[in-house]
């Protein structure tokens, strides 16, 4: 009986330790973290125009409403590729990207969207992640410190409307390594 209790205690400790490691590795932003997207400049492949104001800046306005009719979502026409791009104005180390998806209709349109981060303004940058699950309004993609000035969300495999109700970017500035001083 005592041996069984010792083994159970070891298993419990192992589970708690693994849970703590998983929690520590989460890419959710810390409370009070600065959303880097708010100071950036956004563009997109086209603007859906039958209703007012669906331009790219709507995805970084701080409004996380999930209804298209709240007029806070950026929406493109049905393009191939449909893309949205954010210029962070300087190179950043991106830990996570949180996308608020439309919920009043068609959240599945975002499936397959790729998030890329890098220093190429044309969007030809390394892949951070691909959206595969839209069962929740907020989708978090871990980028683990990828560096770049530009972040893009692209649906390239089909004609599609791209709707982003909010895009949040969390990370930090890339530190500039000081060159050694040369004395003459």
C-alpha atoms as a PDB file:
ATOM      1  CA  UNK A   1       0.000   0.000   0.000  1.00  0.00           C
ATOM      2  CA  UNK A   2       2.828   2.400   0.908  1.00  0.00           C
ATOM      3  CA  UNK A   3       4.628   1.644  -2.404  1.00  0.00           C
ATOM      4  CA  UNK A   4       1.413   2.409  -4.331  1.00  0.00           C
ATOM      5  CA  UNK A   5       1.005   5.736  -2.479  1.00  0.00           C
ATOM      6  CA  UNK A   6       4.647   6.684  -3.231  1.00  0.00           C
ATOM      7  CA  UNK A   7       4.176   5.908  -6.949  1.00  0.00           C
ATOM      8  CA  UNK A   8       0.931   7.892  -7.071  1.00  0.00           C
ATOM      9  CA  UNK A   9       2.657  10.834  -5.373  1.00  0.00           C
ATOM     10  CA  UNK A  10       5.505  10.703  -7.934  1.00  0.00           C
ATOM     11  CA  UNK A  11       2.962  10.689 -10.792  1.00  0.00           C
ATOM     12  CA  UNK A  12       1.121  13.654  -9.283  1.00  0.00           C
ATOM     13  CA  UNK A  13       4.355  15.621  -8.905  1.00  0.00           C
ATOM     14  CA  UNK A  14       5.329  14.789 -12.495  1.00  0.00           C
ATOM     15  CA  UNK A  15       1.920  15.936 -13.781  1.00  0.00           C
ATOM     16  CA  UNK A  16       2.135  19.178 -11.829  1.00  0.00           C
ATOM     17  CA  UNK A  17       5.683  19.821 -13.071  1.00  0.00           C
ATOM     18  CA  UNK A  18       4.695  19.172 -16.694  1.00  0.00           C
ATOM     19  CA  UNK A  19       1.658  21.415 -16.315  1.00  0.00           C
ATOM     20  CA  UNK A  20       3.838  24.207 -14.911  1.00  0.00           C
ATOM     21  CA  UNK A  21       6.297  23.878 -17.812  1.00  0.00           C
ATOM     22  CA  UNK A  22       3.417  23.995 -20.312  1.00  0.00           C
ATOM     23  CA  UNK A  23       2.005  27.086 -18.623  1.00  0.00           C
ATOM     24  CA  UNK A  24       5.402  28.791 -18.604  1.00  0.00           C
ATOM     25  CA  UNK A  25       5.794  28.125 -22.346  1.00  0.00           C
ATOM     26  CA  UNK A  26       2.391  29.576 -23.243  1.00  0.00           C
ATOM     27  CA  UNK A  27       2.559  32.441 -25.693  1.00  0.00           C
ATOM     28  CA  UNK A  28      -0.382  34.309 -24.213  1.00  0.00           C
ATOM     29  CA  UNK A  29       0.655  37.903 -23.507  1.00  0.00           C
ATOM     30  CA  UNK A  30       1.382  38.878 -19.928  1.00  0.00           C
ATOM     31  CA  UNK A  31      -1.158  41.139 -18.221  1.00  0.00           C
ATOM     32  CA  UNK A  32      -0.422  44.727 -19.213  1.00  0.00           C
ATOM     33  CA  UNK A  33       1.604  43.736 -22.299  1.00  0.00           C
ATOM     34  CA  UNK A  34       1.720  46.362 -25.048  1.00  0.00           C
ATOM     35  CA  UNK A  35      -0.132  45.543 -28.277  1.00  0.00           C
ATOM     36  CA  UNK A  36       2.487  46.490 -30.908  1.00  0.00           C
ATOM     37  CA  UNK A  37      -0.089  46.498 -33.716  1.00  0.00           C
ATOM     38  CA  UNK A  38      -1.806  49.640 -32.428  1.00  0.00           C
ATOM     39  CA  UNK A  39       1.112  51.853 -33.504  1.00  0.00           C
ATOM     40  CA  UNK A  40       1.572  50.174 -36.893  1.00  0.00           C
ATOM     41  CA  UNK A  41       0.192  50.928 -40.338  1.00  0.00           C
ATOM     42  CA  UNK A  42      -2.045  48.409 -42.099  1.00  0.00           C
ATOM     43  CA  UNK A  43      -2.821  47.778 -45.774  1.00  0.00           C
ATOM     44  CA  UNK A  44      -4.784  45.056 -47.565  1.00  0.00           C
ATOM     45  CA  UNK A  45      -5.271  43.576 -51.027  1.00  0.00           C
ATOM     46  CA  UNK A  46      -8.645  45.285 -51.579  1.00  0.00           C
ATOM     47  CA  UNK A  47     -11.484  46.847 -49.617  1.00  0.00           C
ATOM     48  CA  UNK A  48     -14.989  45.391 -49.505  1.00  0.00           C
ATOM     49  CA  UNK A  49     -17.078  48.471 -50.167  1.00  0.00           C
ATOM     50  CA  UNK A  50     -20.841  47.851 -50.011  1.00  0.00           C
ATOM     51  CA  UNK A  51     -20.785  48.872 -46.360  1.00  0.00           C
ATOM     52  CA  UNK A  52     -18.831  51.710 -44.826  1.00  0.00           C
ATOM     53  CA  UNK A  53     -15.287  51.520 -43.627  1.00  0.00           C
ATOM     54  CA  UNK A  54     -13.843  48.023 -43.900  1.00  0.00           C
ATOM     55  CA  UNK A  55     -10.320  49.235 -44.632  1.00  0.00           C
ATOM     56  CA  UNK A  56      -7.191  47.629 -43.169  1.00  0.00           C
ATOM     57  CA  UNK A  57      -6.927  50.008 -40.209  1.00  0.00           C
ATOM     58  CA  UNK A  58     -10.141  48.593 -38.721  1.00  0.00           C
ATOM     59  CA  UNK A  59      -8.177  45.471 -37.679  1.00  0.00           C
ATOM     60  CA  UNK A  60      -5.877  47.502 -35.416  1.00  0.00           C
ATOM     61  CA  UNK A  61      -8.360  49.986 -33.938  1.00  0.00           C
ATOM     62  CA  UNK A  62      -8.573  48.246 -30.548  1.00  0.00           C
ATOM     63  CA  UNK A  63     -12.209  47.190 -31.050  1.00  0.00           C
ATOM     64  CA  UNK A  64     -12.575  43.410 -30.678  1.00  0.00           C
ATOM     65  CA  UNK A  65     -16.269  43.236 -31.633  1.00  0.00           C
ATOM     66  CA  UNK A  66     -16.869  40.091 -33.708  1.00  0.00           C
ATOM     67  CA  UNK A  67     -19.820  41.268 -35.801  1.00  0.00           C
ATOM     68  CA  UNK A  68     -19.182  42.614 -39.271  1.00  0.00           C
ATOM     69  CA  UNK A  69     -22.019  45.065 -38.670  1.00  0.00           C
ATOM     70  CA  UNK A  70     -20.160  46.683 -35.770  1.00  0.00           C
ATOM     71  CA  UNK A  71     -18.027  48.253 -38.544  1.00  0.00           C
ATOM     72  CA  UNK A  72     -14.799  47.404 -36.754  1.00  0.00           C
ATOM     73  CA  UNK A  73     -13.557  44.625 -39.051  1.00  0.00           C
ATOM     74  CA  UNK A  74     -11.175  44.920 -42.001  1.00  0.00           C
ATOM     75  CA  UNK A  75     -12.571  43.038 -45.019  1.00  0.00           C
ATOM     76  CA  UNK A  76     -11.189  42.412 -48.502  1.00  0.00           C
ATOM     77  CA  UNK A  77     -13.049  41.502 -51.638  1.00  0.00           C
ATOM     78  CA  UNK A  78     -12.930  37.851 -52.653  1.00  0.00           C
ATOM     79  CA  UNK A  79      -9.323  37.784 -53.884  1.00  0.00           C
ATOM     80  CA  UNK A  80      -6.699  35.178 -54.598  1.00  0.00           C
ATOM     81  CA  UNK A  81      -4.584  35.879 -52.728  1.00  0.00           C
ATOM     82  CA  UNK A  82      -6.478  37.900 -50.138  1.00  0.00           C
ATOM     83  CA  UNK A  83      -3.981  39.557 -47.827  1.00  0.00           C
ATOM     84  CA  UNK A  84      -3.670  42.007 -44.945  1.00  0.00           C
ATOM     85  CA  UNK A  85      -0.284  43.469 -43.980  1.00  0.00           C
ATOM     86  CA  UNK A  86       0.957  45.361 -40.933  1.00  0.00           C
ATOM     87  CA  UNK A  87       4.063  47.551 -40.934  1.00  0.00           C
ATOM     88  CA  UNK A  88       5.327  47.684 -37.342  1.00  0.00           C
ATOM     89  CA  UNK A  89       7.628  50.603 -38.367  1.00  0.00           C
ATOM     90  CA  UNK A  90      10.726  48.810 -37.013  1.00  0.00           C
ATOM     91  CA  UNK A  91      11.936  45.272 -36.542  1.00  0.00           C
ATOM     92  CA  UNK A  92      10.312  43.463 -33.594  1.00  0.00           C
ATOM     93  CA  UNK A  93      10.628  40.087 -31.884  1.00  0.00           C
ATOM     94  CA  UNK A  94       7.084  38.747 -32.123  1.00  0.00           C
ATOM     95  CA  UNK A  95       6.046  36.296 -29.416  1.00  0.00           C
ATOM     96  CA  UNK A  96       2.363  35.954 -30.319  1.00  0.00           C
ATOM     97  CA  UNK A  97      -0.340  37.140 -32.659  1.00  0.00           C
ATOM     98  CA  UNK A  98      -3.991  37.125 -31.593  1.00  0.00           C
ATOM     99  CA  UNK A  99      -6.600  37.385 -34.331  1.00  0.00           C
ATOM    100  CA  UNK A 100     -10.231  38.131 -33.535  1.00  0.00           C
ATOM    101  CA  UNK A 101     -12.348  36.415 -36.170  1.00  0.00           C
ATOM    102  CA  UNK A 102     -15.823  37.318 -37.384  1.00  0.00           C
ATOM    103  CA  UNK A 103     -18.523  35.352 -35.522  1.00  0.00           C
ATOM    104  CA  UNK A 104     -21.859  36.588 -36.933  1.00  0.00           C
ATOM    105  CA  UNK A 105     -21.176  34.744 -40.184  1.00  0.00           C
ATOM    106  CA  UNK A 106     -18.640  32.594 -41.949  1.00  0.00           C
ATOM    107  CA  UNK A 107     -15.796  32.204 -39.421  1.00  0.00           C
ATOM    108  CA  UNK A 108     -14.550  29.272 -41.530  1.00  0.00           C
ATOM    109  CA  UNK A 109     -13.293  31.704 -44.176  1.00  0.00           C
ATOM    110  CA  UNK A 110     -10.185  32.219 -42.011  1.00  0.00           C
ATOM    111  CA  UNK A 111      -9.184  28.526 -42.102  1.00  0.00           C
ATOM    112  CA  UNK A 112      -5.864  28.156 -43.905  1.00  0.00           C
ATOM    113  CA  UNK A 113      -4.826  31.778 -43.419  1.00  0.00           C
ATOM    114  CA  UNK A 114      -1.065  32.044 -43.000  1.00  0.00           C
ATOM    115  CA  UNK A 115       0.677  34.451 -40.646  1.00  0.00           C
ATOM    116  CA  UNK A 116       4.130  35.490 -41.855  1.00  0.00           C
ATOM    117  CA  UNK A 117       6.703  37.732 -40.205  1.00  0.00           C
ATOM    118  CA  UNK A 118       9.863  39.222 -41.665  1.00  0.00           C
ATOM    119  CA  UNK A 119      11.538  42.253 -43.184  1.00  0.00           C
ATOM    120  CA  UNK A 120      10.185  41.965 -46.733  1.00  0.00           C
ATOM    121  CA  UNK A 121       7.480  44.537 -47.478  1.00  0.00           C
ATOM    122  CA  UNK A 122       6.035  42.312 -50.227  1.00  0.00           C
ATOM    123  CA  UNK A 123       4.922  39.669 -47.695  1.00  0.00           C
ATOM    124  CA  UNK A 124       7.440  37.057 -48.859  1.00  0.00           C
ATOM    125  CA  UNK A 125       8.495  36.262 -45.286  1.00  0.00           C
ATOM    126  CA  UNK A 126       8.949  33.207 -43.042  1.00  0.00           C
ATOM    127  CA  UNK A 127       5.826  31.428 -41.836  1.00  0.00           C
ATOM    128  CA  UNK A 128       4.862  31.851 -38.197  1.00  0.00           C
ATOM    129  CA  UNK A 129       1.737  29.703 -38.365  1.00  0.00           C
ATOM    130  CA  UNK A 130      -1.426  28.668 -40.183  1.00  0.00           C
ATOM    131  CA  UNK A 131      -4.945  29.023 -38.783  1.00  0.00           C
ATOM    132  CA  UNK A 132      -6.551  25.594 -38.577  1.00  0.00           C
ATOM    133  CA  UNK A 133      -9.182  26.034 -35.868  1.00  0.00           C
ATOM    134  CA  UNK A 134     -11.807  28.775 -35.843  1.00  0.00           C
ATOM    135  CA  UNK A 135     -14.030  27.332 -33.116  1.00  0.00           C
ATOM    136  CA  UNK A 136     -13.308  30.346 -30.874  1.00  0.00           C
ATOM    137  CA  UNK A 137     -13.515  34.040 -31.714  1.00  0.00           C
ATOM    138  CA  UNK A 138      -9.890  34.666 -30.716  1.00  0.00           C
ATOM    139  CA  UNK A 139      -7.139  32.645 -32.377  1.00  0.00           C
ATOM    140  CA  UNK A 140      -3.656  32.794 -30.815  1.00  0.00           C
ATOM    141  CA  UNK A 141      -0.619  31.943 -32.923  1.00  0.00           C
ATOM    142  CA  UNK A 142       2.748  31.493 -31.193  1.00  0.00           C
ATOM    143  CA  UNK A 143       5.645  33.037 -33.114  1.00  0.00           C
ATOM    144  CA  UNK A 144       8.345  32.384 -30.489  1.00  0.00           C
ATOM    145  CA  UNK A 145      10.352  35.562 -31.031  1.00  0.00           C
ATOM    146  CA  UNK A 146      10.362  35.658 -34.832  1.00  0.00           C
ATOM    147  CA  UNK A 147      11.965  38.900 -35.964  1.00  0.00           C
ATOM    148  CA  UNK A 148      10.595  41.274 -38.535  1.00  0.00           C
ATOM    149  CA  UNK A 149       9.082  44.617 -39.388  1.00  0.00           C
ATOM    150  CA  UNK A 150       6.164  43.237 -41.419  1.00  0.00           C
ATOM    151  CA  UNK A 151       3.404  40.863 -40.407  1.00  0.00           C
ATOM    152  CA  UNK A 152       0.951  39.532 -42.963  1.00  0.00           C
ATOM    153  CA  UNK A 153      -2.182  37.401 -42.896  1.00  0.00           C
ATOM    154  CA  UNK A 154      -2.782  35.753 -46.263  1.00  0.00           C
ATOM    155  CA  UNK A 155      -5.273  33.335 -47.790  1.00  0.00           C
ATOM    156  CA  UNK A 156      -3.577  32.273 -51.003  1.00  0.00           C
ATOM    157  CA  UNK A 157      -5.003  28.845 -51.867  1.00  0.00           C
ATOM    158  CA  UNK A 158      -8.458  30.039 -52.989  1.00  0.00           C
ATOM    159  CA  UNK A 159     -10.611  33.070 -53.812  1.00  0.00           C
ATOM    160  CA  UNK A 160     -11.805  34.279 -50.427  1.00  0.00           C
ATOM    161  CA  UNK A 161     -12.932  37.260 -48.426  1.00  0.00           C
ATOM    162  CA  UNK A 162     -10.466  37.980 -45.627  1.00  0.00           C
ATOM    163  CA  UNK A 163     -12.136  39.474 -42.561  1.00  0.00           C
ATOM    164  CA  UNK A 164     -10.096  40.386 -39.502  1.00  0.00           C
ATOM    165  CA  UNK A 165     -12.001  42.000 -36.648  1.00  0.00           C
ATOM    166  CA  UNK A 166      -8.803  42.653 -34.697  1.00  0.00           C
ATOM    167  CA  UNK A 167      -5.126  41.739 -34.932  1.00  0.00           C
ATOM    168  CA  UNK A 168      -2.995  42.036 -31.809  1.00  0.00           C
ATOM    169  CA  UNK A 169       0.780  41.605 -31.850  1.00  0.00           C
ATOM    170  CA  UNK A 170       2.820  41.011 -28.698  1.00  0.00           C
ATOM    171  CA  UNK A 171       6.587  40.991 -28.387  1.00  0.00           C
ATOM    172  CA  UNK A 172       9.453  43.420 -27.995  1.00  0.00           C
ATOM    173  CA  UNK A 173      11.876  45.545 -29.964  1.00  0.00           C
ATOM    174  CA  UNK A 174      14.866  43.807 -31.481  1.00  0.00           C
ATOM    175  CA  UNK A 175      17.868  44.917 -29.473  1.00  0.00           C
ATOM    176  CA  UNK A 176      20.664  46.435 -31.492  1.00  0.00           C
ATOM    177  CA  UNK A 177      23.990  44.836 -30.694  1.00  0.00           C
ATOM    178  CA  UNK A 178      26.588  47.461 -30.015  1.00  0.00           C
ATOM    179  CA  UNK A 179      29.588  47.227 -32.260  1.00  0.00           C
ATOM    180  CA  UNK A 180      32.893  47.264 -30.418  1.00  0.00           C
ATOM    181  CA  UNK A 181      34.442  50.715 -30.346  1.00  0.00           C
ATOM    182  CA  UNK A 182      37.648  51.187 -32.202  1.00  0.00           C
ATOM    183  CA  UNK A 183      40.211  53.483 -30.663  1.00  0.00           C
ATOM    184  CA  UNK A 184      42.850  55.018 -32.883  1.00  0.00           C
END
